[in-house]
PDB file of N, CA and C in Angstrom:
ATOM      1  N   UNK A   1     207.516 156.592 -24.339  1.00  0.00           N
ATOM      2  CA  UNK A   1     205.908 156.433 -23.535  1.00  0.00           C
ATOM      3  C   UNK A   1     206.453 156.748 -22.002  1.00  0.00           C
ATOM      4  N   UNK A   2     205.650 157.609 -21.337  1.00  0.00           N
ATOM      5  CA  UNK A   2     206.055 157.666 -19.866  1.00  0.00           C
ATOM      6  C   UNK A   2     205.027 156.541 -19.271  1.00  0.00           C
ATOM      7  N   UNK A   3     205.379 156.459 -17.709  1.00  0.00           N
ATOM      8  CA  UNK A   3     205.434 155.327 -17.303  1.00  0.00           C
ATOM      9  C   UNK A   3     206.117 154.184 -16.889  1.00  0.00           C
ATOM     10  N   UNK A   4     206.822 154.013 -18.087  1.00  0.00           N
ATOM     11  CA  UNK A   4     207.399 152.337 -17.846  1.00  0.00           C
ATOM     12  C   UNK A   4     208.438 152.604 -16.794  1.00  0.00           C
ATOM     13  N   UNK A   5     208.487 151.517 -16.038  1.00  0.00           N
ATOM     14  CA  UNK A   5     209.825 151.503 -15.574  1.00  0.00           C
ATOM     15  C   UNK A   5     210.669 150.468 -15.790  1.00  0.00           C
ATOM     16  N   UNK A   6     211.705 150.776 -16.396  1.00  0.00           N
ATOM     17  CA  UNK A   6     212.737 149.723 -16.917  1.00  0.00           C
ATOM     18  C   UNK A   6     213.782 149.424 -15.979  1.00  0.00           C
ATOM     19  N   UNK A   7     213.785 148.356 -16.441  1.00  0.00           N
ATOM     20  CA  UNK A   7     215.056 147.533 -15.492  1.00  0.00           C
ATOM     21  C   UNK A   7     216.469 147.641 -15.480  1.00  0.00           C
ATOM     22  N   UNK A   8     217.427 147.133 -14.612  1.00  0.00           N
ATOM     23  CA  UNK A   8     218.522 147.714 -15.133  1.00  0.00           C
ATOM     24  C   UNK A   8     218.928 146.233 -16.615  1.00  0.00           C
ATOM     25  N   UNK A   9     219.606 146.888 -17.326  1.00  0.00           N
ATOM     26  CA  UNK A   9     220.090 146.344 -18.881  1.00  0.00           C
ATOM     27  C   UNK A   9     220.387 145.032 -18.346  1.00  0.00           C
ATOM     28  N   UNK A  10     220.366 144.151 -19.053  1.00  0.00           N
ATOM     29  CA  UNK A  10     220.744 142.774 -19.544  1.00  0.00           C
ATOM     30  C   UNK A  10     221.656 142.734 -19.862  1.00  0.00           C
ATOM     31  N   UNK A  11     223.177 142.394 -20.153  1.00  0.00           N
ATOM     32  CA  UNK A  11     224.097 142.451 -21.240  1.00  0.00           C
ATOM     33  C   UNK A  11     225.240 141.101 -21.507  1.00  0.00           C
ATOM     34  N   UNK A  12     225.275 140.959 -22.362  1.00  0.00           N
ATOM     35  CA  UNK A  12     225.759 139.846 -22.934  1.00  0.00           C
ATOM     36  C   UNK A  12     227.367 139.959 -23.018  1.00  0.00           C
ATOM     37  N   UNK A  13     228.620 139.189 -23.545  1.00  0.00           N
ATOM     38  CA  UNK A  13     229.622 139.960 -23.499  1.00  0.00           C
ATOM     39  C   UNK A  13     229.950 139.634 -25.305  1.00  0.00           C
ATOM     40  N   UNK A  14     230.261 141.508 -25.461  1.00  0.00           N
ATOM     41  CA  UNK A  14     230.156 141.799 -26.537  1.00  0.00           C
ATOM     42  C   UNK A  14     228.996 141.963 -27.597  1.00  0.00           C
ATOM     43  N   UNK A  15     228.067 141.586 -26.636  1.00  0.00           N
ATOM     44  CA  UNK A  15     226.691 142.190 -27.453  1.00  0.00           C
ATOM     45  C   UNK A  15     225.900 143.428 -26.828  1.00  0.00           C
ATOM     46  N   UNK A  16     224.630 143.103 -27.617  1.00  0.00           N
ATOM     47  CA  UNK A  16     224.006 144.583 -26.994  1.00  0.00           C
ATOM     48  C   UNK A  16     223.554 144.300 -25.963  1.00  0.00           C
ATOM     49  N   UNK A  17     223.065 145.279 -25.260  1.00  0.00           N
ATOM     50  CA  UNK A  17     222.471 145.142 -23.810  1.00  0.00           C
ATOM     51  C   UNK A  17     220.826 145.425 -24.199  1.00  0.00           C
ATOM     52  N   UNK A  18     219.989 144.534 -23.199  1.00  0.00           N
ATOM     53  CA  UNK A  18     218.694 144.643 -23.434  1.00  0.00           C
ATOM     54  C   UNK A  18     217.749 144.817 -22.433  1.00  0.00           C
ATOM     55  N   UNK A  19     216.420 145.972 -21.959  1.00  0.00           N
ATOM     56  CA  UNK A  19     215.819 145.771 -21.130  1.00  0.00           C
ATOM     57  C   UNK A  19     214.838 145.616 -21.014  1.00  0.00           C
ATOM     58  N   UNK A  20     214.301 145.651 -19.939  1.00  0.00           N
ATOM     59  CA  UNK A  20     212.704 144.891 -19.958  1.00  0.00           C
ATOM     60  C   UNK A  20     212.209 146.060 -18.976  1.00  0.00           C
ATOM     61  N   UNK A  21     210.656 146.112 -19.406  1.00  0.00           N
ATOM     62  CA  UNK A  21     210.263 146.932 -18.170  1.00  0.00           C
ATOM     63  C   UNK A  21     208.610 146.814 -18.331  1.00  0.00           C
ATOM     64  N   UNK A  22     208.191 147.492 -17.393  1.00  0.00           N
ATOM     65  CA  UNK A  22     206.203 147.555 -17.367  1.00  0.00           C
ATOM     66  C   UNK A  22     205.710 148.569 -16.822  1.00  0.00           C
ATOM     67  N   UNK A  23     205.025 148.819 -17.096  1.00  0.00           N
ATOM     68  CA  UNK A  23     203.714 150.015 -16.659  1.00  0.00           C
ATOM     69  C   UNK A  23     202.636 149.578 -16.214  1.00  0.00           C
ATOM     70  N   UNK A  24     202.001 150.593 -14.998  1.00  0.00           N
ATOM     71  CA  UNK A  24     201.181 150.111 -14.758  1.00  0.00           C
ATOM     72  C   UNK A  24     199.458 149.513 -14.853  1.00  0.00           C
ATOM     73  N   UNK A  25     199.678 149.578 -16.214  1.00  0.00           N
ATOM     74  CA  UNK A  25     198.352 148.883 -16.859  1.00  0.00           C
ATOM     75  C   UNK A  25     198.704 147.330 -17.171  1.00  0.00           C
ATOM     76  N   UNK A  26     199.717 146.952 -16.837  1.00  0.00           N
ATOM     77  CA  UNK A  26     200.148 145.411 -17.124  1.00  0.00           C
ATOM     78  C   UNK A  26     200.630 145.045 -18.476  1.00  0.00           C
ATOM     79  N   UNK A  27     201.407 145.955 -19.033  1.00  0.00           N
ATOM     80  CA  UNK A  27     201.758 146.022 -19.951  1.00  0.00           C
ATOM     81  C   UNK A  27     203.376 145.691 -19.603  1.00  0.00           C
ATOM     82  N   UNK A  28     204.233 144.805 -20.659  1.00  0.00           N
ATOM     83  CA  UNK A  28     205.929 144.911 -20.619  1.00  0.00           C
ATOM     84  C   UNK A  28     206.731 144.913 -21.943  1.00  0.00           C
ATOM     85  N   UNK A  29     207.541 145.464 -21.908  1.00  0.00           N
ATOM     86  CA  UNK A  29     208.735 145.729 -22.904  1.00  0.00           C
ATOM     87  C   UNK A  29     209.920 145.649 -22.237  1.00  0.00           C
ATOM     88  N   UNK A  30     210.462 145.401 -24.014  1.00  0.00           N
ATOM     89  CA  UNK A  30     211.996 144.896 -23.907  1.00  0.00           C
ATOM     90  C   UNK A  30     212.546 145.764 -25.263  1.00  0.00           C
ATOM     91  N   UNK A  31     213.340 146.194 -25.013  1.00  0.00           N
ATOM     92  CA  UNK A  31     213.957 147.261 -26.072  1.00  0.00           C
ATOM     93  C   UNK A  31     215.693 147.068 -25.641  1.00  0.00           C
ATOM     94  N   UNK A  32     216.407 147.582 -26.727  1.00  0.00           N
ATOM     95  CA  UNK A  32     217.713 147.800 -26.381  1.00  0.00           C
ATOM     96  C   UNK A  32     218.232 148.975 -25.726  1.00  0.00           C
ATOM     97  N   UNK A  33     219.164 148.524 -24.957  1.00  0.00           N
ATOM     98  CA  UNK A  33     219.351 150.024 -23.720  1.00  0.00           C
ATOM     99  C   UNK A  33     219.768 151.341 -24.503  1.00  0.00           C
ATOM    100  N   UNK A  34     219.394 152.143 -24.543  1.00  0.00           N
ATOM    101  CA  UNK A  34     220.158 153.405 -25.085  1.00  0.00           C
ATOM    102  C   UNK A  34     218.812 153.678 -26.539  1.00  0.00           C
ATOM    103  N   UNK A  35     217.682 152.828 -26.508  1.00  0.00           N
ATOM    104  CA  UNK A  35     217.063 152.730 -27.525  1.00  0.00           C
ATOM    105  C   UNK A  35     215.899 152.407 -27.041  1.00  0.00           C
ATOM    106  N   UNK A  36     215.330 153.247 -25.615  1.00  0.00           N
ATOM    107  CA  UNK A  36     214.144 152.653 -25.034  1.00  0.00           C
ATOM    108  C   UNK A  36     212.868 153.432 -25.830  1.00  0.00           C
ATOM    109  N   UNK A  37     213.139 154.119 -26.812  1.00  0.00           N
ATOM    110  CA  UNK A  37     212.066 154.511 -27.489  1.00  0.00           C
ATOM    111  C   UNK A  37     211.458 153.962 -28.425  1.00  0.00           C
ATOM    112  N   UNK A  38     212.092 152.893 -28.885  1.00  0.00           N
ATOM    113  CA  UNK A  38     211.613 151.579 -29.853  1.00  0.00           C
ATOM    114  C   UNK A  38     211.663 150.629 -29.027  1.00  0.00           C
ATOM    115  N   UNK A  39     210.460 149.699 -28.883  1.00  0.00           N
ATOM    116  CA  UNK A  39     210.404 149.074 -28.025  1.00  0.00           C
ATOM    117  C   UNK A  39     209.727 147.665 -28.612  1.00  0.00           C
ATOM    118  N   UNK A  40     209.407 146.491 -28.308  1.00  0.00           N
ATOM    119  CA  UNK A  40     208.294 145.398 -28.295  1.00  0.00           C
ATOM    120  C   UNK A  40     207.541 145.510 -27.409  1.00  0.00           C
ATOM    121  N   UNK A  41     206.113 145.290 -27.229  1.00  0.00           N
ATOM    122  CA  UNK A  41     205.491 145.587 -26.045  1.00  0.00           C
ATOM    123  C   UNK A  41     204.204 144.060 -26.327  1.00  0.00           C
ATOM    124  N   UNK A  42     204.272 143.597 -25.062  1.00  0.00           N
ATOM    125  CA  UNK A  42     202.603 142.670 -24.900  1.00  0.00           C
ATOM    126  C   UNK A  42     202.506 142.844 -23.445  1.00  0.00           C
ATOM    127  N   UNK A  43     202.120 141.839 -23.335  1.00  0.00           N
ATOM    128  CA  UNK A  43     201.130 141.667 -21.537  1.00  0.00           C
ATOM    129  C   UNK A  43     202.538 141.134 -20.775  1.00  0.00           C
ATOM    130  N   UNK A  44     202.400 141.585 -19.617  1.00  0.00           N
ATOM    131  CA  UNK A  44     203.368 140.939 -18.629  1.00  0.00           C
ATOM    132  C   UNK A  44     203.032 139.393 -18.529  1.00  0.00           C
ATOM    133  N   UNK A  45     202.005 138.727 -18.537  1.00  0.00           N
ATOM    134  CA  UNK A  45     201.928 137.263 -18.650  1.00  0.00           C
ATOM    135  C   UNK A  45     202.750 136.984 -19.921  1.00  0.00           C
ATOM    136  N   UNK A  46     202.692 137.655 -21.183  1.00  0.00           N
ATOM    137  CA  UNK A  46     203.305 137.142 -22.163  1.00  0.00           C
ATOM    138  C   UNK A  46     205.181 137.093 -21.877  1.00  0.00           C
ATOM    139  N   UNK A  47     205.708 138.238 -21.140  1.00  0.00           N
ATOM    140  CA  UNK A  47     206.783 138.362 -21.032  1.00  0.00           C
ATOM    141  C   UNK A  47     207.106 137.424 -19.883  1.00  0.00           C
ATOM    142  N   UNK A  48     206.459 136.853 -18.970  1.00  0.00           N
ATOM    143  CA  UNK A  48     206.390 135.504 -18.077  1.00  0.00           C
ATOM    144  C   UNK A  48     207.189 134.403 -18.779  1.00  0.00           C
ATOM    145  N   UNK A  49     205.730 134.196 -20.033  1.00  0.00           N
ATOM    146  CA  UNK A  49     205.897 132.932 -20.180  1.00  0.00           C
ATOM    147  C   UNK A  49     206.759 132.932 -21.219  1.00  0.00           C
ATOM    148  N   UNK A  50     207.680 133.742 -22.121  1.00  0.00           N
ATOM    149  CA  UNK A  50     208.763 133.781 -22.623  1.00  0.00           C
ATOM    150  C   UNK A  50     210.001 133.714 -21.943  1.00  0.00           C
ATOM    151  N   UNK A  51     210.172 134.237 -20.563  1.00  0.00           N
ATOM    152  CA  UNK A  51     211.339 133.993 -19.895  1.00  0.00           C
ATOM    153  C   UNK A  51     211.343 132.692 -19.095  1.00  0.00           C
ATOM    154  N   UNK A  52     210.194 132.035 -19.087  1.00  0.00           N
ATOM    155  CA  UNK A  52     209.900 130.740 -18.532  1.00  0.00           C
ATOM    156  C   UNK A  52     210.252 129.784 -19.187  1.00  0.00           C
ATOM    157  N   UNK A  53     209.989 129.780 -20.690  1.00  0.00           N
ATOM    158  CA  UNK A  53     210.071 128.915 -21.816  1.00  0.00           C
ATOM    159  C   UNK A  53     211.941 129.391 -22.055  1.00  0.00           C
ATOM    160  N   UNK A  54     212.484 130.550 -22.096  1.00  0.00           N
ATOM    161  CA  UNK A  54     213.988 130.556 -22.341  1.00  0.00           C
ATOM    162  C   UNK A  54     214.924 129.803 -21.507  1.00  0.00           C
ATOM    163  N   UNK A  55     214.201 129.821 -19.794  1.00  0.00           N
ATOM    164  CA  UNK A  55     214.676 129.192 -18.885  1.00  0.00           C
ATOM    165  C   UNK A  55     214.658 127.740 -19.052  1.00  0.00           C
ATOM    166  N   UNK A  56     213.777 127.179 -19.620  1.00  0.00           N
ATOM    167  CA  UNK A  56     213.567 125.782 -19.906  1.00  0.00           C
ATOM    168  C   UNK A  56     214.067 124.937 -20.972  1.00  0.00           C
ATOM    169  N   UNK A  57     214.996 125.967 -21.892  1.00  0.00           N
ATOM    170  CA  UNK A  57     215.347 125.522 -22.953  1.00  0.00           C
ATOM    171  C   UNK A  57     214.861 125.812 -24.053  1.00  0.00           C
ATOM    172  N   UNK A  58     213.731 126.478 -24.446  1.00  0.00           N
ATOM    173  CA  UNK A  58     213.202 126.533 -25.785  1.00  0.00           C
ATOM    174  C   UNK A  58     213.490 127.255 -26.850  1.00  0.00           C
ATOM    175  N   UNK A  59     215.030 127.912 -26.206  1.00  0.00           N
ATOM    176  CA  UNK A  59     215.585 128.764 -27.443  1.00  0.00           C
ATOM    177  C   UNK A  59     217.009 128.589 -27.544  1.00  0.00           C
ATOM    178  N   UNK A  60     217.417 127.404 -26.714  1.00  0.00           N
ATOM    179  CA  UNK A  60     218.562 126.685 -26.745  1.00  0.00           C
ATOM    180  C   UNK A  60     219.400 127.051 -28.297  1.00  0.00           C
ATOM    181  N   UNK A  61     218.520 126.863 -29.556  1.00  0.00           N
ATOM    182  CA  UNK A  61     219.017 126.299 -30.582  1.00  0.00           C
ATOM    183  C   UNK A  61     219.095 127.499 -30.936  1.00  0.00           C
ATOM    184  N   UNK A  62     218.946 129.010 -30.666  1.00  0.00           N
ATOM    185  CA  UNK A  62     219.427 130.394 -31.026  1.00  0.00           C
ATOM    186  C   UNK A  62     220.669 130.786 -30.540  1.00  0.00           C
ATOM    187  N   UNK A  63     221.574 129.807 -29.881  1.00  0.00           N
ATOM    188  CA  UNK A  63     222.392 130.358 -28.970  1.00  0.00           C
ATOM    189  C   UNK A  63     223.757 129.979 -29.910  1.00  0.00           C
TER     190      UNK A  63
END
């Protein structure tokens, strides 16, 4: 999709790299680096909430 501005990849040790992106219409995107044509999309507010929840430890059980 044209118009998505992708951030630099977030990479873990020995893991896939993920990229976050946004567009001018207020949408947010998450994709595996190198596969940006296959992405998950939601609003910027939903992405913001997810990041805040992760930072607050609500996904720690997945580690």
